[in-house]
Amino acid sequence: MTDFITSDTPLAAWLIINGIQLHGVNNSVMPSEFAFSGSDQEKLDDLIFQWDGGNAIGNCTSFYKTYRSLVHKLKGS
């Protein structure tokens, strides 16, 4: 199992709403990093491919709420 780390907050929100488990947020580096489980590497790779290709689809409301939650975690609110 390889963990995936990104500092891209919108990507992190999209991965979460698509079932990829967030392991934690590292605020000790700038920009902050989100660490995800790599337990389903094939699904993770497919989701990243969709995101990078501009083909990410999903529930806008869930995405927005998850994104705002991550931003609050980054700000320490």
PDB file of N, CA and C in Angstrom:
ATOM      1  N   MET A   1       0.847  -1.182   0.000  1.00  0.00           N
ATOM      2  CA  MET A   1       0.000   0.000   0.000  1.00  0.00           C
ATOM      3  C   MET A   1       0.893   1.246   0.000  1.00  0.00           C
ATOM      4  N   THR A   2       0.729   2.067  -1.023  1.00  0.00           N
ATOM      5  CA  THR A   2       1.470   3.313  -1.135  1.00  0.00           C
ATOM      6  C   THR A   2       0.529   4.467  -0.825  1.00  0.00           C
ATOM      7  N   ASP A   3       0.933   5.352   0.058  1.00  0.00           N
ATOM      8  CA  ASP A   3       0.113   6.525   0.341  1.00  0.00           C
ATOM      9  C   ASP A   3       0.284   7.545  -0.783  1.00  0.00           C
ATOM     10  N   PHE A   4      -0.748   8.327  -0.996  1.00  0.00           N
ATOM     11  CA  PHE A   4      -0.704   9.412  -1.968  1.00  0.00           C
ATOM     12  C   PHE A   4      -0.745  10.715  -1.192  1.00  0.00           C
ATOM     13  N   ILE A   5       0.146  11.638  -1.525  1.00  0.00           N
ATOM     14  CA  ILE A   5       0.217  12.931  -0.846  1.00  0.00           C
ATOM     15  C   ILE A   5       0.041  14.028  -1.878  1.00  0.00           C
ATOM     16  N   THR A   6      -0.814  15.006  -1.547  1.00  0.00           N
ATOM     17  CA  THR A   6      -1.030  16.147  -2.433  1.00  0.00           C
ATOM     18  C   THR A   6      -1.222  17.414  -1.616  1.00  0.00           C
ATOM     19  N   SER A   7      -0.871  18.542  -2.198  1.00  0.00           N
ATOM     20  CA  SER A   7      -1.150  19.836  -1.572  1.00  0.00           C
ATOM     21  C   SER A   7      -2.311  20.526  -2.289  1.00  0.00           C
ATOM     22  N   ASP A   8      -2.934  19.840  -3.237  1.00  0.00           N
ATOM     23  CA  ASP A   8      -4.046  20.355  -4.030  1.00  0.00           C
ATOM     24  C   ASP A   8      -5.362  20.130  -3.265  1.00  0.00           C
ATOM     25  N   THR A   9      -5.862  21.176  -2.628  1.00  0.00           N
ATOM     26  CA  THR A   9      -7.055  21.052  -1.793  1.00  0.00           C
ATOM     27  C   THR A   9      -8.292  20.620  -2.588  1.00  0.00           C
ATOM     28  N   PRO A  10      -8.568  21.186  -3.765  1.00  0.00           N
ATOM     29  CA  PRO A  10      -9.720  20.694  -4.533  1.00  0.00           C
ATOM     30  C   PRO A  10      -9.585  19.209  -4.892  1.00  0.00           C
ATOM     31  N   LEU A  11      -8.402  18.765  -5.282  1.00  0.00           N
ATOM     32  CA  LEU A  11      -8.208  17.346  -5.578  1.00  0.00           C
ATOM     33  C   LEU A  11      -8.461  16.513  -4.334  1.00  0.00           C
ATOM     34  N   ALA A  12      -7.965  16.967  -3.195  1.00  0.00           N
ATOM     35  CA  ALA A  12      -8.176  16.242  -1.940  1.00  0.00           C
ATOM     36  C   ALA A  12      -9.668  16.100  -1.648  1.00  0.00           C
ATOM     37  N   ALA A  13     -10.423  17.166  -1.819  1.00  0.00           N
ATOM     38  CA  ALA A  13     -11.870  17.109  -1.584  1.00  0.00           C
ATOM     39  C   ALA A  13     -12.522  16.111  -2.526  1.00  0.00           C
ATOM     40  N   TRP A  14     -12.110  16.122  -3.784  1.00  0.00           N
ATOM     41  CA  TRP A  14     -12.706  15.224  -4.768  1.00  0.00           C
ATOM     42  C   TRP A  14     -12.385  13.759  -4.467  1.00  0.00           C
ATOM     43  N   LEU A  15     -11.161  13.498  -4.022  1.00  0.00           N
ATOM     44  CA  LEU A  15     -10.802  12.126  -3.647  1.00  0.00           C
ATOM     45  C   LEU A  15     -11.643  11.648  -2.465  1.00  0.00           C
ATOM     46  N   ILE A  16     -11.842  12.513  -1.494  1.00  0.00           N
ATOM     47  CA  ILE A  16     -12.637  12.148  -0.317  1.00  0.00           C
ATOM     48  C   ILE A  16     -14.066  11.801  -0.707  1.00  0.00           C
ATOM     49  N   ILE A  17     -14.700  12.630  -1.539  1.00  0.00           N
ATOM     50  CA  ILE A  17     -16.098  12.343  -1.892  1.00  0.00           C
ATOM     51  C   ILE A  17     -16.215  11.115  -2.793  1.00  0.00           C
ATOM     52  N   ASN A  18     -15.086  10.651  -3.312  1.00  0.00           N
ATOM     53  CA  ASN A  18     -15.094   9.439  -4.129  1.00  0.00           C
ATOM     54  C   ASN A  18     -14.571   8.227  -3.365  1.00  0.00           C
ATOM     55  N   GLY A  19     -14.500   8.333  -2.047  1.00  0.00           N
ATOM     56  CA  GLY A  19     -14.244   7.177  -1.208  1.00  0.00           C
ATOM     57  C   GLY A  19     -12.797   6.876  -0.873  1.00  0.00           C
ATOM     58  N   ILE A  20     -11.873   7.778  -1.173  1.00  0.00           N
ATOM     59  CA  ILE A  20     -10.477   7.560  -0.801  1.00  0.00           C
ATOM     60  C   ILE A  20     -10.280   8.099   0.614  1.00  0.00           C
ATOM     61  N   GLN A  21      -9.727   7.268   1.487  1.00  0.00           N
ATOM     62  CA  GLN A  21      -9.607   7.620   2.906  1.00  0.00           C
ATOM     63  C   GLN A  21      -8.479   8.615   3.141  1.00  0.00           C
ATOM     64  N   LEU A  22      -8.817   9.731   3.784  1.00  0.00           N
ATOM     65  CA  LEU A  22      -7.826  10.725   4.192  1.00  0.00           C
ATOM     66  C   LEU A  22      -7.179  10.251   5.486  1.00  0.00           C
ATOM     67  N   HIS A  23      -5.842  10.114   5.470  1.00  0.00           N
ATOM     68  CA  HIS A  23      -5.115   9.691   6.672  1.00  0.00           C
ATOM     69  C   HIS A  23      -4.762  10.860   7.567  1.00  0.00           C
ATOM     70  N   GLY A  24      -4.536  12.027   6.965  1.00  0.00           N
ATOM     71  CA  GLY A  24      -4.183  13.162   7.787  1.00  0.00           C
ATOM     72  C   GLY A  24      -3.762  14.360   6.974  1.00  0.00           C
ATOM     73  N   VAL A  25      -3.574  15.457   7.685  1.00  0.00           N
ATOM     74  CA  VAL A  25      -3.153  16.716   7.083  1.00  0.00           C
ATOM     75  C   VAL A  25      -1.860  17.136   7.757  1.00  0.00           C
ATOM     76  N   ASN A  26      -0.860  17.456   6.951  1.00  0.00           N
ATOM     77  CA  ASN A  26       0.433  17.903   7.470  1.00  0.00           C
ATOM     78  C   ASN A  26       0.513  19.418   7.296  1.00  0.00           C
ATOM     79  N   ASN A  27       0.329  20.143   8.405  1.00  0.00           N
ATOM     80  CA  ASN A  27       0.404  21.609   8.384  1.00  0.00           C
ATOM     81  C   ASN A  27       1.811  22.120   8.693  1.00  0.00           C
ATOM     82  N   SER A  28       2.756  21.212   8.911  1.00  0.00           N
ATOM     83  CA  SER A  28       4.105  21.650   9.269  1.00  0.00           C
ATOM     84  C   SER A  28       4.936  22.027   8.041  1.00  0.00           C
ATOM     85  N   VAL A  29       4.401  21.815   6.861  1.00  0.00           N
ATOM     86  CA  VAL A  29       5.075  22.202   5.613  1.00  0.00           C
ATOM     87  C   VAL A  29       4.184  23.181   4.866  1.00  0.00           C
ATOM     88  N   MET A  30       4.801  23.955   3.998  1.00  0.00           N
ATOM     89  CA  MET A  30       4.027  24.885   3.160  1.00  0.00           C
ATOM     90  C   MET A  30       4.306  24.588   1.712  1.00  0.00           C
ATOM     91  N   PRO A  31       3.308  24.346   0.913  1.00  0.00           N
ATOM     92  CA  PRO A  31       1.900  24.290   1.288  1.00  0.00           C
ATOM     93  C   PRO A  31       1.587  23.014   2.067  1.00  0.00           C
ATOM     94  N   SER A  32       0.497  23.065   2.817  1.00  0.00           N
ATOM     95  CA  SER A  32       0.072  21.907   3.605  1.00  0.00           C
ATOM     96  C   SER A  32      -0.193  20.720   2.690  1.00  0.00           C
ATOM     97  N   GLU A  33      -0.035  19.523   3.252  1.00  0.00           N
ATOM     98  CA  GLU A  33      -0.205  18.302   2.470  1.00  0.00           C
ATOM     99  C   GLU A  33      -1.306  17.426   3.047  1.00  0.00           C
ATOM    100  N   PHE A  34      -2.035  16.781   2.138  1.00  0.00           N
ATOM    101  CA  PHE A  34      -3.067  15.817   2.500  1.00  0.00           C
ATOM    102  C   PHE A  34      -2.540  14.431   2.163  1.00  0.00           C
ATOM    103  N   ALA A  35      -2.595  13.516   3.123  1.00  0.00           N
ATOM    104  CA  ALA A  35      -2.120  12.147   2.918  1.00  0.00           C
ATOM    105  C   ALA A  35      -3.319  11.209   2.813  1.00  0.00           C
ATOM    106  N   PHE A  36      -3.323  10.402   1.764  1.00  0.00           N
ATOM    107  CA  PHE A  36      -4.433   9.487   1.488  1.00  0.00           C
ATOM    108  C   PHE A  36      -3.964   8.043   1.494  1.00  0.00           C
ATOM    109  N   SER A  37      -4.904   7.157   1.779  1.00  0.00           N
ATOM    110  CA  SER A  37      -4.659   5.728   1.720  1.00  0.00           C
ATOM    111  C   SER A  37      -4.454   5.289   0.281  1.00  0.00           C
ATOM    112  N   GLY A  38      -3.490   4.440   0.085  1.00  0.00           N
ATOM    113  CA  GLY A  38      -3.267   3.856  -1.226  1.00  0.00           C
ATOM    114  C   GLY A  38      -3.748   2.420  -1.276  1.00  0.00           C
ATOM    115  N   SER A  39      -4.685   2.050  -0.390  1.00  0.00           N
ATOM    116  CA  SER A  39      -5.144   0.659  -0.299  1.00  0.00           C
ATOM    117  C   SER A  39      -5.837   0.194  -1.576  1.00  0.00           C
ATOM    118  N   ASP A  40      -6.470   1.101  -2.304  1.00  0.00           N
ATOM    119  CA  ASP A  40      -7.079   0.762  -3.596  1.00  0.00           C
ATOM    120  C   ASP A  40      -6.360   1.585  -4.661  1.00  0.00           C
ATOM    121  N   GLN A  41      -5.127   1.167  -4.954  1.00  0.00           N
ATOM    122  CA  GLN A  41      -4.266   1.940  -5.838  1.00  0.00           C
ATOM    123  C   GLN A  41      -4.859   2.125  -7.225  1.00  0.00           C
ATOM    124  N   GLU A  42      -5.545   1.112  -7.741  1.00  0.00           N
ATOM    125  CA  GLU A  42      -6.139   1.217  -9.075  1.00  0.00           C
ATOM    126  C   GLU A  42      -7.219   2.304  -9.113  1.00  0.00           C
ATOM    127  N   LYS A  43      -8.075   2.335  -8.094  1.00  0.00           N
ATOM    128  CA  LYS A  43      -9.117   3.362  -8.025  1.00  0.00           C
ATOM    129  C   LYS A  43      -8.482   4.742  -7.867  1.00  0.00           C
ATOM    130  N   LEU A  44      -7.483   4.841  -7.003  1.00  0.00           N
ATOM    131  CA  LEU A  44      -6.793   6.106  -6.772  1.00  0.00           C
ATOM    132  C   LEU A  44      -6.173   6.616  -8.074  1.00  0.00           C
ATOM    133  N   ASP A  45      -5.478   5.743  -8.784  1.00  0.00           N
ATOM    134  CA  ASP A  45      -4.854   6.126 -10.056  1.00  0.00           C
ATOM    135  C   ASP A  45      -5.901   6.599 -11.069  1.00  0.00           C
ATOM    136  N   ASP A  46      -7.028   5.892 -11.134  1.00  0.00           N
ATOM    137  CA  ASP A  46      -8.095   6.260 -12.067  1.00  0.00           C
ATOM    138  C   ASP A  46      -8.684   7.627 -11.719  1.00  0.00           C
ATOM    139  N   LEU A  47      -8.913   7.877 -10.435  1.00  0.00           N
ATOM    140  CA  LEU A  47      -9.470   9.163 -10.014  1.00  0.00           C
ATOM    141  C   LEU A  47      -8.505  10.315 -10.315  1.00  0.00           C
ATOM    142  N   ILE A  48      -7.230  10.106 -10.072  1.00  0.00           N
ATOM    143  CA  ILE A  48      -6.236  11.144 -10.365  1.00  0.00           C
ATOM    144  C   ILE A  48      -6.162  11.392 -11.869  1.00  0.00           C
ATOM    145  N   PHE A  49      -6.232  10.325 -12.668  1.00  0.00           N
ATOM    146  CA  PHE A  49      -6.234  10.460 -14.125  1.00  0.00           C
ATOM    147  C   PHE A  49      -7.436  11.278 -14.594  1.00  0.00           C
ATOM    148  N   GLN A  50      -8.624  10.991 -14.014  1.00  0.00           N
ATOM    149  CA  GLN A  50      -9.829  11.757 -14.367  1.00  0.00           C
ATOM    150  C   GLN A  50      -9.660  13.227 -13.990  1.00  0.00           C
ATOM    151  N   TRP A  51      -9.140  13.483 -12.795  1.00  0.00           N
ATOM    152  CA  TRP A  51      -8.952  14.857 -12.310  1.00  0.00           C
ATOM    153  C   TRP A  51      -7.986  15.622 -13.214  1.00  0.00           C
ATOM    154  N   ASP A  52      -6.839  15.019 -13.477  1.00  0.00           N
ATOM    155  CA  ASP A  52      -5.813  15.674 -14.289  1.00  0.00           C
ATOM    156  C   ASP A  52      -6.278  15.892 -15.730  1.00  0.00           C
ATOM    157  N   GLY A  53      -7.159  15.017 -16.214  1.00  0.00           N
ATOM    158  CA  GLY A  53      -7.661  15.132 -17.578  1.00  0.00           C
ATOM    159  C   GLY A  53      -8.857  16.058 -17.725  1.00  0.00           C
ATOM    160  N   GLY A  54      -9.304  16.633 -16.617  1.00  0.00           N
ATOM    161  CA  GLY A  54     -10.456  17.536 -16.668  1.00  0.00           C
ATOM    162  C   GLY A  54     -11.779  16.808 -16.804  1.00  0.00           C
ATOM    163  N   ASN A  55     -11.805  15.535 -16.412  1.00  0.00           N
ATOM    164  CA  ASN A  55     -13.012  14.725 -16.541  1.00  0.00           C
ATOM    165  C   ASN A  55     -13.607  14.315 -15.201  1.00  0.00           C
ATOM    166  N   ALA A  56     -13.301  15.063 -14.159  1.00  0.00           N
ATOM    167  CA  ALA A  56     -13.815  14.753 -12.826  1.00  0.00           C
ATOM    168  C   ALA A  56     -15.285  15.149 -12.742  1.00  0.00           C
ATOM    169  N   ILE A  57     -16.118  14.186 -12.386  1.00  0.00           N
ATOM    170  CA  ILE A  57     -17.548  14.469 -12.218  1.00  0.00           C
ATOM    171  C   ILE A  57     -17.959  14.059 -10.804  1.00  0.00           C
ATOM    172  N   GLY A  58     -19.027  14.643 -10.328  1.00  0.00           N
ATOM    173  CA  GLY A  58     -19.502  14.283  -8.999  1.00  0.00           C
ATOM    174  C   GLY A  58     -20.548  15.248  -8.493  1.00  0.00           C
ATOM    175  N   ASN A  59     -20.924  15.054  -7.263  1.00  0.00           N
ATOM    176  CA  ASN A  59     -21.934  15.860  -6.607  1.00  0.00           C
ATOM    177  C   ASN A  59     -21.315  17.188  -6.163  1.00  0.00           C
ATOM    178  N   CYS A  60     -21.764  18.270  -6.755  1.00  0.00           N
ATOM    179  CA  CYS A  60     -21.190  19.598  -6.472  1.00  0.00           C
ATOM    180  C   CYS A  60     -21.366  20.006  -5.011  1.00  0.00           C
ATOM    181  N   THR A  61     -22.507  19.691  -4.438  1.00  0.00           N
ATOM    182  CA  THR A  61     -22.772  20.055  -3.044  1.00  0.00           C
ATOM    183  C   THR A  61     -21.817  19.322  -2.108  1.00  0.00           C
ATOM    184  N   SER A  62     -21.644  18.028  -2.320  1.00  0.00           N
ATOM    185  CA  SER A  62     -20.709  17.247  -1.492  1.00  0.00           C
ATOM    186  C   SER A  62     -19.294  17.761  -1.654  1.00  0.00           C
ATOM    187  N   PHE A  63     -18.914  18.073  -2.892  1.00  0.00           N
ATOM    188  CA  PHE A  63     -17.573  18.593  -3.147  1.00  0.00           C
ATOM    189  C   PHE A  63     -17.364  19.897  -2.393  1.00  0.00           C
ATOM    190  N   TYR A  64     -18.308  20.823  -2.499  1.00  0.00           N
ATOM    191  CA  TYR A  64     -18.165  22.128  -1.859  1.00  0.00           C
ATOM    192  C   TYR A  64     -18.064  21.993  -0.339  1.00  0.00           C
ATOM    193  N   LYS A  65     -18.943  21.184   0.258  1.00  0.00           N
ATOM    194  CA  LYS A  65     -18.918  21.011   1.715  1.00  0.00           C
ATOM    195  C   LYS A  65     -17.609  20.381   2.177  1.00  0.00           C
ATOM    196  N   THR A  66     -17.116  19.409   1.435  1.00  0.00           N
ATOM    197  CA  THR A  66     -15.860  18.750   1.789  1.00  0.00           C
ATOM    198  C   THR A  66     -14.690  19.711   1.615  1.00  0.00           C
ATOM    199  N   TYR A  67     -14.695  20.467   0.533  1.00  0.00           N
ATOM    200  CA  TYR A  67     -13.646  21.455   0.280  1.00  0.00           C
ATOM    201  C   TYR A  67     -13.582  22.478   1.423  1.00  0.00           C
ATOM    202  N   ARG A  68     -14.742  23.017   1.809  1.00  0.00           N
ATOM    203  CA  ARG A  68     -14.784  24.006   2.897  1.00  0.00           C
ATOM    204  C   ARG A  68     -14.274  23.404   4.206  1.00  0.00           C
ATOM    205  N   SER A  69     -14.614  22.154   4.463  1.00  0.00           N
ATOM    206  CA  SER A  69     -14.143  21.474   5.669  1.00  0.00           C
ATOM    207  C   SER A  69     -12.618  21.367   5.665  1.00  0.00           C
ATOM    208  N   LEU A  70     -12.046  21.041   4.519  1.00  0.00           N
ATOM    209  CA  LEU A  70     -10.587  20.951   4.425  1.00  0.00           C
ATOM    210  C   LEU A  70      -9.925  22.311   4.604  1.00  0.00           C
ATOM    211  N   VAL A  71     -10.516  23.338   4.037  1.00  0.00           N
ATOM    212  CA  VAL A  71      -9.965  24.691   4.191  1.00  0.00           C
ATOM    213  C   VAL A  71      -9.976  25.087   5.667  1.00  0.00           C
ATOM    214  N   HIS A  72     -11.050  24.756   6.373  1.00  0.00           N
ATOM    215  CA  HIS A  72     -11.119  25.068   7.811  1.00  0.00           C
ATOM    216  C   HIS A  72     -10.038  24.307   8.582  1.00  0.00           C
ATOM    217  N   LYS A  73      -9.773  23.049   8.197  1.00  0.00           N
ATOM    218  CA  LYS A  73      -8.707  22.288   8.849  1.00  0.00           C
ATOM    219  C   LYS A  73      -7.351  22.949   8.624  1.00  0.00           C
ATOM    220  N   LEU A  74      -7.150  23.478   7.420  1.00  0.00           N
ATOM    221  CA  LEU A  74      -5.871  24.137   7.121  1.00  0.00           C
ATOM    222  C   LEU A  74      -5.693  25.408   7.923  1.00  0.00           C
ATOM    223  N   LYS A  75      -6.791  26.131   8.141  1.00  0.00           N
ATOM    224  CA  LYS A  75      -6.738  27.386   8.884  1.00  0.00           C
ATOM    225  C   LYS A  75      -6.731  27.174  10.381  1.00  0.00           C
ATOM    226  N   GLY A  76      -7.020  25.934  10.811  1.00  0.00           N
ATOM    227  CA  GLY A  76      -7.051  25.646  12.242  1.00  0.00           C
ATOM    228  C   GLY A  76      -8.326  26.106  12.909  1.00  0.00           C
ATOM    229  N   SER A  77      -9.379  26.332  12.114  1.00  0.00           N
ATOM    230  CA  SER A  77     -10.656  26.775  12.684  1.00  0.00           C
ATOM    231  C   SER A  77     -11.457  25.611  13.178  1.00  0.00           C
TER     232      SER A  77
END
